[in-house]
């Protein structure tokens, strides 16, 4: 499995909730194991790789007690800002992952991928910042936007991770493996 495929699969496990007897069968710690394995296999020259790995491990450790239904119930009864703070490692990882992949795509000259990942940096940054404005600043009109971003942004990141998993800058197979199109400078190639 390519690094970004492992990260994306881990994010799918983290995003989906399949409750059985109060527990999530798709336990978030399992998702973080997949994420950590994917980050470890990213190319060593990827900027902030070790920091990304550390934040993924931290988010995974935070997710362990959050798998216990009693802990989740206690958080639901607590102040909403506490739930936000508990989710900071997860969304901090997403911001850092998006930034890291933006930098890797930019360095490789992949402008399309760089644009997508830079957009996700902004979107995940908004996911982190909006609760401060909502809970601390009393701007409750932003709750709808925050709700949409919390659900949509990780989904877009998962799709992009799968789409970009084969790129050389992401630790995938070299793009040279693609079969030739048989076209040169807009004209069909001639047989040898």
N, C-alpha and C. Protein backbone atom coordinates (compact mmCIF):
# COMPACT_ATOMS: atom_id res chain seq x y z
N UNK A 1 0.85 -1.17 0.00
CA UNK A 1 0.00 0.00 0.00
C UNK A 1 0.90 1.25 0.00
N UNK A 2 0.55 2.22 -0.81
CA UNK A 2 1.31 3.46 -0.90
C UNK A 2 1.06 4.31 0.35
N UNK A 3 2.02 5.18 0.71
CA UNK A 3 1.87 5.97 1.93
C UNK A 3 0.55 6.73 2.04
N UNK A 4 0.18 7.46 0.99
CA UNK A 4 -1.06 8.24 1.06
C UNK A 4 -2.30 7.36 1.09
N UNK A 5 -2.22 6.15 0.53
CA UNK A 5 -3.35 5.22 0.62
C UNK A 5 -3.55 4.79 2.07
N UNK A 6 -2.46 4.49 2.75
CA UNK A 6 -2.54 4.10 4.16
C UNK A 6 -3.09 5.24 5.01
N UNK A 7 -2.60 6.45 4.76
CA UNK A 7 -3.10 7.62 5.50
C UNK A 7 -4.58 7.81 5.22
N UNK A 8 -4.99 7.72 3.96
CA UNK A 8 -6.39 7.91 3.61
C UNK A 8 -7.28 6.84 4.24
N UNK A 9 -6.82 5.58 4.22
CA UNK A 9 -7.62 4.52 4.84
C UNK A 9 -7.77 4.75 6.35
N UNK A 10 -6.68 5.21 6.97
CA UNK A 10 -6.77 5.54 8.39
C UNK A 10 -7.76 6.65 8.65
N UNK A 11 -7.75 7.66 7.78
CA UNK A 11 -8.70 8.78 7.93
C UNK A 11 -10.14 8.30 7.73
N UNK A 12 -10.34 7.34 6.84
CA UNK A 12 -11.69 6.77 6.66
C UNK A 12 -12.15 6.10 7.95
N UNK A 13 -11.27 5.31 8.55
CA UNK A 13 -11.61 4.63 9.81
C UNK A 13 -11.92 5.67 10.90
N UNK A 14 -11.16 6.75 10.93
CA UNK A 14 -11.38 7.80 11.93
C UNK A 14 -12.70 8.52 11.68
N UNK A 15 -13.01 8.77 10.44
CA UNK A 15 -14.20 9.54 10.08
C UNK A 15 -15.49 8.76 10.29
N UNK A 16 -15.47 7.46 9.94
CA UNK A 16 -16.69 6.66 10.05
C UNK A 16 -16.91 6.17 11.47
N UNK A 17 -18.18 6.09 11.84
CA UNK A 17 -18.55 5.58 13.17
C UNK A 17 -19.56 4.46 12.96
N UNK A 18 -19.21 3.27 13.46
CA UNK A 18 -20.09 2.11 13.39
C UNK A 18 -20.30 1.63 14.83
N UNK A 19 -21.33 2.17 15.51
CA UNK A 19 -21.51 1.82 16.92
C UNK A 19 -22.14 0.44 17.12
N UNK A 20 -21.52 -0.33 18.01
CA UNK A 20 -22.06 -1.63 18.42
C UNK A 20 -21.86 -1.72 19.92
N UNK A 21 -22.96 -1.77 20.65
CA UNK A 21 -22.88 -1.84 22.11
C UNK A 21 -22.22 -0.62 22.72
N UNK A 22 -22.37 0.53 22.10
CA UNK A 22 -21.78 1.76 22.62
C UNK A 22 -20.37 2.03 22.13
N UNK A 23 -19.71 1.02 21.59
CA UNK A 23 -18.35 1.18 21.09
C UNK A 23 -18.36 1.32 19.58
N UNK A 24 -17.40 2.04 19.07
CA UNK A 24 -17.23 2.19 17.63
C UNK A 24 -16.40 1.01 17.13
N UNK A 25 -16.99 0.18 16.29
CA UNK A 25 -16.28 -0.99 15.77
C UNK A 25 -15.05 -0.53 14.97
N UNK A 26 -15.18 0.58 14.25
CA UNK A 26 -14.05 1.15 13.53
C UNK A 26 -13.32 2.11 14.48
N UNK A 27 -12.60 1.53 15.40
CA UNK A 27 -11.96 2.30 16.47
C UNK A 27 -10.94 3.29 15.89
N UNK A 28 -11.04 4.54 16.33
CA UNK A 28 -10.13 5.58 15.86
C UNK A 28 -8.66 5.23 16.10
N UNK A 29 -8.29 4.60 17.23
CA UNK A 29 -6.87 4.23 17.38
C UNK A 29 -6.37 3.34 16.25
N UNK A 30 -7.21 2.45 15.73
CA UNK A 30 -6.82 1.62 14.59
C UNK A 30 -6.57 2.51 13.36
N UNK A 31 -7.42 3.49 13.16
CA UNK A 31 -7.22 4.43 12.06
C UNK A 31 -5.91 5.18 12.19
N UNK A 32 -5.58 5.58 13.41
CA UNK A 32 -4.31 6.30 13.62
C UNK A 32 -3.11 5.40 13.40
N UNK A 33 -3.24 4.11 13.67
CA UNK A 33 -2.14 3.18 13.36
C UNK A 33 -1.88 3.19 11.85
N UNK A 34 -2.94 3.14 11.06
CA UNK A 34 -2.78 3.19 9.60
C UNK A 34 -2.17 4.52 9.16
N UNK A 35 -2.60 5.61 9.79
CA UNK A 35 -2.04 6.92 9.46
C UNK A 35 -0.55 6.96 9.77
N UNK A 36 -0.18 6.51 10.96
CA UNK A 36 1.23 6.52 11.37
C UNK A 36 2.07 5.67 10.42
N UNK A 37 1.56 4.49 10.05
CA UNK A 37 2.30 3.64 9.11
C UNK A 37 2.49 4.35 7.76
N UNK A 38 1.47 5.05 7.31
CA UNK A 38 1.59 5.79 6.06
C UNK A 38 2.58 6.93 6.15
N UNK A 39 2.53 7.68 7.24
CA UNK A 39 3.46 8.80 7.41
C UNK A 39 4.90 8.29 7.46
N UNK A 40 5.12 7.17 8.14
CA UNK A 40 6.47 6.60 8.22
C UNK A 40 7.02 6.23 6.85
N UNK A 41 6.13 5.89 5.92
CA UNK A 41 6.58 5.48 4.59
C UNK A 41 6.65 6.63 3.60
N UNK A 42 6.30 7.84 4.02
CA UNK A 42 6.48 8.98 3.13
C UNK A 42 7.97 9.14 2.84
N UNK A 43 8.33 9.70 1.69
CA UNK A 43 9.75 9.89 1.39
C UNK A 43 10.45 10.68 2.49
N UNK A 44 11.68 10.31 2.81
CA UNK A 44 12.42 10.96 3.90
C UNK A 44 12.69 12.42 3.64
N UNK A 45 12.69 12.83 2.36
CA UNK A 45 12.97 14.23 2.06
C UNK A 45 11.73 15.12 2.15
N UNK A 46 10.58 14.55 2.50
CA UNK A 46 9.37 15.35 2.69
C UNK A 46 9.56 16.23 3.92
N UNK A 47 9.37 17.54 3.72
CA UNK A 47 9.54 18.48 4.83
C UNK A 47 8.56 18.17 5.96
N UNK A 48 8.99 18.36 7.17
CA UNK A 48 8.18 18.21 8.38
C UNK A 48 7.67 16.78 8.60
N UNK A 49 8.31 15.81 7.96
CA UNK A 49 7.87 14.41 8.09
C UNK A 49 7.92 13.95 9.54
N UNK A 50 9.00 14.24 10.25
CA UNK A 50 9.11 13.78 11.64
C UNK A 50 8.10 14.50 12.54
N UNK A 51 7.85 15.77 12.27
CA UNK A 51 6.84 16.50 13.04
C UNK A 51 5.46 15.93 12.77
N UNK A 52 5.20 15.63 11.52
CA UNK A 52 3.92 15.04 11.12
C UNK A 52 3.72 13.70 11.83
N UNK A 53 4.79 12.92 11.91
CA UNK A 53 4.72 11.63 12.59
C UNK A 53 4.42 11.82 14.08
N UNK A 54 5.09 12.78 14.70
CA UNK A 54 4.85 13.05 16.12
C UNK A 54 3.42 13.49 16.41
N UNK A 55 2.87 14.34 15.56
CA UNK A 55 1.49 14.81 15.75
C UNK A 55 0.51 13.66 15.52
N UNK A 56 0.80 12.79 14.56
CA UNK A 56 -0.07 11.63 14.31
C UNK A 56 -0.07 10.70 15.53
N UNK A 57 1.10 10.47 16.11
CA UNK A 57 1.18 9.62 17.30
C UNK A 57 0.40 10.26 18.45
N UNK A 58 0.57 11.57 18.65
CA UNK A 58 -0.17 12.29 19.70
C UNK A 58 -1.68 12.16 19.48
N UNK A 59 -2.14 12.39 18.27
CA UNK A 59 -3.57 12.27 17.97
C UNK A 59 -4.06 10.85 18.22
N UNK A 60 -3.23 9.87 17.87
CA UNK A 60 -3.59 8.48 18.13
C UNK A 60 -3.71 8.17 19.61
N UNK A 61 -2.78 8.70 20.39
CA UNK A 61 -2.84 8.50 21.85
C UNK A 61 -4.07 9.16 22.46
N UNK A 62 -4.40 10.36 21.98
CA UNK A 62 -5.59 11.06 22.47
C UNK A 62 -6.86 10.29 22.11
N UNK A 63 -6.83 9.59 20.97
CA UNK A 63 -8.04 8.87 20.53
C UNK A 63 -8.33 7.62 21.36
N UNK A 64 -7.33 7.10 22.07
CA UNK A 64 -7.53 5.86 22.83
C UNK A 64 -8.60 6.03 23.91
N UNK A 65 -8.49 7.01 24.82
CA UNK A 65 -9.57 7.15 25.81
C UNK A 65 -10.89 7.60 25.18
N UNK A 66 -10.83 8.27 24.05
CA UNK A 66 -12.06 8.73 23.40
C UNK A 66 -12.85 7.58 22.77
N UNK A 67 -12.28 6.39 22.73
CA UNK A 67 -12.98 5.23 22.21
C UNK A 67 -13.93 4.66 23.27
N UNK A 68 -13.69 4.99 24.53
CA UNK A 68 -14.51 4.49 25.64
C UNK A 68 -15.80 5.31 25.72
N UNK A 69 -16.96 4.67 25.63
CA UNK A 69 -18.23 5.41 25.62
C UNK A 69 -18.43 6.34 26.82
N UNK A 70 -17.98 5.94 28.01
CA UNK A 70 -18.15 6.79 29.19
C UNK A 70 -17.39 8.11 29.05
N UNK A 71 -16.23 8.06 28.43
CA UNK A 71 -15.44 9.28 28.22
C UNK A 71 -16.16 10.19 27.24
N UNK A 72 -16.70 9.62 26.17
CA UNK A 72 -17.43 10.40 25.17
C UNK A 72 -18.67 11.02 25.80
N UNK A 73 -19.37 10.26 26.64
CA UNK A 73 -20.55 10.80 27.32
C UNK A 73 -20.18 11.96 28.23
N UNK A 74 -19.07 11.82 28.94
CA UNK A 74 -18.62 12.91 29.83
C UNK A 74 -18.27 14.15 29.02
N UNK A 75 -17.65 13.97 27.85
CA UNK A 75 -17.32 15.11 26.99
C UNK A 75 -18.58 15.76 26.43
N UNK A 76 -19.59 14.94 26.11
CA UNK A 76 -20.84 15.49 25.60
C UNK A 76 -21.53 16.36 26.65
N UNK A 77 -21.37 15.99 27.93
CA UNK A 77 -21.97 16.75 29.03
C UNK A 77 -21.14 17.97 29.41
N UNK A 78 -19.88 17.99 29.00
CA UNK A 78 -18.98 19.09 29.37
C UNK A 78 -19.17 20.27 28.40
N UNK A 79 -18.42 21.30 28.64
CA UNK A 79 -18.43 22.49 27.79
C UNK A 79 -17.97 22.12 26.38
N UNK A 80 -18.58 22.73 25.37
CA UNK A 80 -18.23 22.42 23.98
C UNK A 80 -16.78 22.75 23.66
N UNK A 81 -16.22 23.71 24.35
CA UNK A 81 -14.83 24.08 24.08
C UNK A 81 -13.87 22.97 24.50
N UNK A 82 -14.26 22.14 25.46
CA UNK A 82 -13.42 21.02 25.86
C UNK A 82 -13.38 19.98 24.74
N UNK A 83 -14.54 19.72 24.15
CA UNK A 83 -14.58 18.78 23.02
C UNK A 83 -13.73 19.31 21.87
N UNK A 84 -13.75 20.61 21.64
CA UNK A 84 -12.92 21.22 20.61
C UNK A 84 -11.44 21.00 20.93
N UNK A 85 -11.06 21.23 22.18
CA UNK A 85 -9.66 21.09 22.58
C UNK A 85 -9.19 19.64 22.43
N UNK A 86 -10.05 18.69 22.74
CA UNK A 86 -9.69 17.28 22.62
C UNK A 86 -9.45 16.89 21.16
N UNK A 87 -10.15 17.54 20.24
CA UNK A 87 -10.00 17.24 18.82
C UNK A 87 -8.88 18.02 18.15
N UNK A 88 -8.22 18.91 18.87
CA UNK A 88 -7.13 19.70 18.28
C UNK A 88 -5.99 18.85 17.70
N UNK A 89 -5.53 17.80 18.39
CA UNK A 89 -4.46 17.00 17.78
C UNK A 89 -4.86 16.41 16.43
N UNK A 90 -6.11 15.93 16.32
CA UNK A 90 -6.57 15.36 15.06
C UNK A 90 -6.56 16.41 13.96
N UNK A 91 -7.16 17.55 14.20
CA UNK A 91 -7.23 18.56 13.16
C UNK A 91 -5.89 19.28 12.97
N UNK A 92 -5.08 19.31 14.02
CA UNK A 92 -3.72 19.81 13.86
C UNK A 92 -2.93 18.93 12.91
N UNK A 93 -3.14 17.61 13.02
CA UNK A 93 -2.49 16.69 12.08
C UNK A 93 -2.96 16.96 10.66
N UNK A 94 -4.26 17.15 10.49
CA UNK A 94 -4.80 17.39 9.14
C UNK A 94 -4.24 18.68 8.53
N UNK A 95 -4.12 19.72 9.34
CA UNK A 95 -3.53 20.98 8.85
C UNK A 95 -2.08 20.74 8.43
N UNK A 96 -1.33 20.06 9.29
CA UNK A 96 0.08 19.81 9.01
C UNK A 96 0.26 18.87 7.81
N UNK A 97 -0.59 17.86 7.69
CA UNK A 97 -0.53 16.96 6.53
C UNK A 97 -0.79 17.75 5.24
N UNK A 98 -1.81 18.57 5.25
CA UNK A 98 -2.13 19.37 4.06
C UNK A 98 -0.99 20.30 3.71
N UNK A 99 -0.40 20.93 4.71
CA UNK A 99 0.73 21.84 4.46
C UNK A 99 1.93 21.07 3.92
N UNK A 100 2.21 19.92 4.50
CA UNK A 100 3.34 19.09 4.07
C UNK A 100 3.17 18.64 2.63
N UNK A 101 1.97 18.18 2.28
CA UNK A 101 1.72 17.72 0.92
C UNK A 101 1.69 18.89 -0.07
N UNK A 102 1.23 20.04 0.38
CA UNK A 102 1.30 21.24 -0.45
C UNK A 102 2.75 21.56 -0.79
N UNK A 103 3.62 21.53 0.22
CA UNK A 103 5.05 21.82 0.00
C UNK A 103 5.70 20.77 -0.90
N UNK A 104 5.36 19.51 -0.70
CA UNK A 104 5.95 18.44 -1.53
C UNK A 104 5.50 18.59 -2.98
N UNK A 105 4.22 18.85 -3.20
CA UNK A 105 3.70 19.01 -4.56
C UNK A 105 4.30 20.25 -5.22
N UNK A 106 4.45 21.32 -4.45
CA UNK A 106 5.05 22.55 -4.99
C UNK A 106 6.49 22.30 -5.40
N UNK A 107 7.25 21.62 -4.55
CA UNK A 107 8.66 21.34 -4.85
C UNK A 107 8.79 20.46 -6.09
N UNK A 108 7.79 19.59 -6.33
CA UNK A 108 7.83 18.71 -7.50
C UNK A 108 7.26 19.37 -8.75
N UNK A 109 6.75 20.60 -8.61
CA UNK A 109 6.18 21.30 -9.75
C UNK A 109 4.78 20.84 -10.12
N UNK A 110 4.10 20.16 -9.20
CA UNK A 110 2.74 19.68 -9.44
C UNK A 110 1.77 20.76 -8.97
N UNK A 111 1.52 21.74 -9.83
CA UNK A 111 0.73 22.91 -9.44
C UNK A 111 -0.71 22.59 -9.09
N UNK A 112 -1.31 21.66 -9.82
CA UNK A 112 -2.70 21.29 -9.53
C UNK A 112 -2.85 20.71 -8.14
N UNK A 113 -1.99 19.75 -7.81
CA UNK A 113 -2.04 19.13 -6.48
C UNK A 113 -1.72 20.15 -5.41
N UNK A 114 -0.74 21.01 -5.66
CA UNK A 114 -0.36 22.03 -4.68
C UNK A 114 -1.53 22.96 -4.39
N UNK A 115 -2.29 23.31 -5.41
CA UNK A 115 -3.45 24.19 -5.21
C UNK A 115 -4.49 23.52 -4.33
N UNK A 116 -4.78 22.25 -4.60
CA UNK A 116 -5.76 21.54 -3.77
C UNK A 116 -5.32 21.47 -2.32
N UNK A 117 -4.04 21.08 -2.10
CA UNK A 117 -3.58 20.92 -0.72
C UNK A 117 -3.48 22.27 0.00
N UNK A 118 -3.14 23.34 -0.71
CA UNK A 118 -3.11 24.65 -0.06
C UNK A 118 -4.52 25.09 0.32
N UNK A 119 -5.50 24.73 -0.50
CA UNK A 119 -6.89 25.04 -0.15
C UNK A 119 -7.31 24.29 1.11
N UNK A 120 -6.83 23.06 1.24
CA UNK A 120 -7.16 22.30 2.44
C UNK A 120 -6.47 22.85 3.68
N UNK A 121 -5.29 23.42 3.52
CA UNK A 121 -4.63 24.07 4.67
C UNK A 121 -5.56 25.15 5.21
N UNK A 122 -6.11 25.96 4.32
CA UNK A 122 -7.02 27.03 4.74
C UNK A 122 -8.31 26.47 5.34
N UNK A 123 -8.86 25.44 4.72
CA UNK A 123 -10.11 24.87 5.22
C UNK A 123 -9.93 24.23 6.60
N UNK A 124 -8.86 23.46 6.77
CA UNK A 124 -8.61 22.86 8.08
C UNK A 124 -8.26 23.93 9.11
N UNK A 125 -7.56 24.97 8.68
CA UNK A 125 -7.30 26.09 9.58
C UNK A 125 -8.58 26.73 10.07
N UNK A 126 -9.57 26.84 9.17
CA UNK A 126 -10.87 27.38 9.56
C UNK A 126 -11.57 26.44 10.55
N UNK A 127 -11.45 25.13 10.33
CA UNK A 127 -12.06 24.16 11.24
C UNK A 127 -11.49 24.33 12.65
N UNK A 128 -10.19 24.60 12.73
CA UNK A 128 -9.55 24.79 14.04
C UNK A 128 -9.94 26.14 14.65
N UNK A 129 -10.02 27.18 13.82
CA UNK A 129 -10.24 28.54 14.34
C UNK A 129 -11.70 28.88 14.59
N UNK A 130 -12.62 28.35 13.80
CA UNK A 130 -14.03 28.73 13.94
C UNK A 130 -14.61 28.48 15.34
N UNK A 131 -14.30 27.36 16.00
CA UNK A 131 -14.84 27.18 17.35
C UNK A 131 -14.40 28.28 18.32
N UNK A 132 -13.21 28.82 18.13
CA UNK A 132 -12.77 29.92 18.99
C UNK A 132 -13.70 31.11 18.80
N UNK A 133 -14.04 31.39 17.55
CA UNK A 133 -14.94 32.51 17.27
C UNK A 133 -16.36 32.22 17.74
N UNK A 134 -16.79 30.98 17.62
CA UNK A 134 -18.15 30.61 18.00
C UNK A 134 -18.30 30.56 19.52
N UNK A 135 -17.42 29.79 20.20
CA UNK A 135 -17.54 29.63 21.65
C UNK A 135 -17.00 30.82 22.41
N UNK A 136 -15.85 31.33 21.98
CA UNK A 136 -15.23 32.44 22.70
C UNK A 136 -15.77 33.79 22.30
N UNK A 137 -16.06 33.96 21.02
CA UNK A 137 -16.51 35.26 20.53
C UNK A 137 -18.01 35.39 20.42
N UNK A 138 -18.73 34.31 20.62
CA UNK A 138 -20.18 34.36 20.57
C UNK A 138 -20.76 34.52 19.17
N UNK A 139 -19.97 34.22 18.14
CA UNK A 139 -20.44 34.34 16.76
C UNK A 139 -21.15 33.06 16.34
N UNK A 140 -22.33 32.84 16.91
CA UNK A 140 -23.06 31.60 16.68
C UNK A 140 -23.54 31.45 15.24
N UNK A 141 -23.55 32.52 14.48
CA UNK A 141 -23.95 32.44 13.08
C UNK A 141 -22.98 31.63 12.24
N UNK A 142 -21.79 31.36 12.77
CA UNK A 142 -20.78 30.58 12.04
C UNK A 142 -20.89 29.08 12.29
N UNK A 143 -21.83 28.67 13.15
CA UNK A 143 -21.96 27.25 13.48
C UNK A 143 -22.25 26.39 12.27
N UNK A 144 -23.11 26.86 11.38
CA UNK A 144 -23.44 26.09 10.17
C UNK A 144 -22.21 25.87 9.29
N UNK A 145 -21.43 26.94 9.08
CA UNK A 145 -20.21 26.83 8.29
C UNK A 145 -19.23 25.86 8.94
N UNK A 146 -19.10 25.96 10.25
CA UNK A 146 -18.19 25.06 10.97
C UNK A 146 -18.62 23.61 10.81
N UNK A 147 -19.92 23.35 10.92
CA UNK A 147 -20.43 21.99 10.77
C UNK A 147 -20.16 21.42 9.39
N UNK A 148 -20.35 22.24 8.37
CA UNK A 148 -20.09 21.78 7.00
C UNK A 148 -18.61 21.49 6.81
N UNK A 149 -17.76 22.39 7.29
CA UNK A 149 -16.31 22.21 7.12
C UNK A 149 -15.79 20.99 7.87
N UNK A 150 -16.32 20.73 9.06
CA UNK A 150 -15.87 19.58 9.85
C UNK A 150 -16.16 18.28 9.13
N UNK A 151 -17.28 18.19 8.43
CA UNK A 151 -17.60 16.97 7.70
C UNK A 151 -16.99 16.90 6.31
N UNK A 152 -16.97 18.03 5.61
CA UNK A 152 -16.55 18.04 4.22
C UNK A 152 -15.03 18.03 4.05
N UNK A 153 -14.31 18.77 4.85
CA UNK A 153 -12.88 18.93 4.65
C UNK A 153 -12.11 17.61 4.80
N UNK A 154 -12.34 16.81 5.84
CA UNK A 154 -11.64 15.52 5.89
C UNK A 154 -12.00 14.61 4.72
N UNK A 155 -13.24 14.68 4.26
CA UNK A 155 -13.65 13.86 3.12
C UNK A 155 -12.87 14.24 1.87
N UNK A 156 -12.72 15.54 1.63
CA UNK A 156 -11.94 16.01 0.48
C UNK A 156 -10.49 15.57 0.62
N UNK A 157 -9.95 15.65 1.83
CA UNK A 157 -8.56 15.23 2.06
C UNK A 157 -8.38 13.75 1.76
N UNK A 158 -9.34 12.94 2.14
CA UNK A 158 -9.28 11.50 1.86
C UNK A 158 -9.26 11.25 0.36
N UNK A 159 -10.16 11.91 -0.35
CA UNK A 159 -10.22 11.73 -1.81
C UNK A 159 -8.91 12.17 -2.45
N UNK A 160 -8.39 13.33 -2.05
CA UNK A 160 -7.13 13.82 -2.62
C UNK A 160 -5.96 12.89 -2.29
N UNK A 161 -5.96 12.34 -1.09
CA UNK A 161 -4.87 11.42 -0.73
C UNK A 161 -4.89 10.20 -1.64
N UNK A 162 -6.08 9.67 -1.92
CA UNK A 162 -6.16 8.54 -2.85
C UNK A 162 -5.75 8.96 -4.27
N UNK A 163 -6.22 10.11 -4.71
CA UNK A 163 -5.92 10.58 -6.07
C UNK A 163 -4.43 10.82 -6.25
N UNK A 164 -3.78 11.40 -5.24
CA UNK A 164 -2.36 11.75 -5.35
C UNK A 164 -1.42 10.66 -4.84
N UNK A 165 -1.95 9.54 -4.44
CA UNK A 165 -1.11 8.49 -3.84
C UNK A 165 -0.05 7.93 -4.78
N UNK A 166 -0.29 8.00 -6.07
CA UNK A 166 0.67 7.46 -7.03
C UNK A 166 1.75 8.44 -7.44
N UNK A 167 1.67 9.67 -6.97
CA UNK A 167 2.65 10.68 -7.37
C UNK A 167 3.99 10.39 -6.68
N UNK A 168 5.07 10.60 -7.40
CA UNK A 168 6.40 10.33 -6.87
C UNK A 168 6.69 11.15 -5.63
N UNK A 169 6.25 12.40 -5.59
CA UNK A 169 6.52 13.27 -4.43
C UNK A 169 5.79 12.79 -3.19
N UNK A 170 4.79 11.92 -3.35
CA UNK A 170 4.03 11.40 -2.22
C UNK A 170 4.46 9.98 -1.85
N UNK A 171 5.55 9.52 -2.46
CA UNK A 171 6.04 8.18 -2.15
C UNK A 171 5.39 7.09 -2.95
N UNK A 172 4.60 7.46 -3.98
CA UNK A 172 3.97 6.46 -4.84
C UNK A 172 4.93 6.02 -5.92
N UNK A 173 4.45 5.18 -6.76
CA UNK A 173 5.24 4.75 -7.90
C UNK A 173 5.57 5.97 -8.74
N UNK A 174 6.66 5.93 -9.43
CA UNK A 174 7.01 7.04 -10.31
C UNK A 174 5.95 7.18 -11.39
N UNK A 175 5.62 8.42 -11.70
CA UNK A 175 4.62 8.67 -12.73
C UNK A 175 5.03 8.08 -14.07
N UNK A 176 6.31 7.76 -14.22
CA UNK A 176 6.81 7.19 -15.48
C UNK A 176 6.22 5.82 -15.76
N UNK A 177 5.63 5.18 -14.76
CA UNK A 177 5.03 3.86 -14.97
C UNK A 177 3.78 3.92 -15.84
N UNK A 178 3.20 5.10 -16.00
CA UNK A 178 2.00 5.21 -16.81
C UNK A 178 2.33 4.82 -18.25
N UNK A 179 1.41 4.12 -18.90
CA UNK A 179 1.69 3.73 -20.28
C UNK A 179 1.73 4.97 -21.18
N UNK A 180 2.58 4.95 -22.19
CA UNK A 180 2.65 6.10 -23.08
C UNK A 180 1.34 6.28 -23.83
N UNK A 181 1.03 7.52 -24.16
CA UNK A 181 -0.23 7.81 -24.83
C UNK A 181 -0.15 7.61 -26.32
N UNK A 182 1.06 7.51 -26.86
CA UNK A 182 1.19 7.33 -28.29
C UNK A 182 1.10 8.62 -29.06
N UNK A 183 1.16 9.75 -28.34
CA UNK A 183 1.06 11.05 -28.99
C UNK A 183 2.30 11.87 -28.66
N UNK A 184 2.80 12.56 -29.67
CA UNK A 184 3.94 13.44 -29.49
C UNK A 184 3.63 14.77 -30.13
N UNK A 185 3.71 15.82 -29.35
CA UNK A 185 3.45 17.18 -29.84
C UNK A 185 2.15 17.28 -30.62
N UNK A 186 1.14 16.67 -30.09
CA UNK A 186 -0.17 16.82 -30.69
C UNK A 186 -0.43 15.92 -31.91
N UNK A 187 0.55 15.13 -32.34
CA UNK A 187 0.36 14.25 -33.49
C UNK A 187 0.55 12.80 -33.05
N UNK A 188 -0.17 11.90 -33.69
CA UNK A 188 0.03 10.48 -33.35
C UNK A 188 1.45 10.05 -33.68
N UNK A 189 2.01 9.20 -32.84
CA UNK A 189 3.37 8.72 -33.09
C UNK A 189 3.35 7.70 -34.23
N UNK A 190 4.45 7.63 -34.91
CA UNK A 190 4.56 6.69 -36.03
C UNK A 190 5.13 5.38 -35.51
N UNK A 191 4.70 4.27 -36.09
CA UNK A 191 5.22 2.97 -35.64
C UNK A 191 6.70 2.85 -35.99
N UNK A 192 7.43 2.09 -35.19
CA UNK A 192 8.86 1.89 -35.42
C UNK A 192 9.12 0.99 -36.60
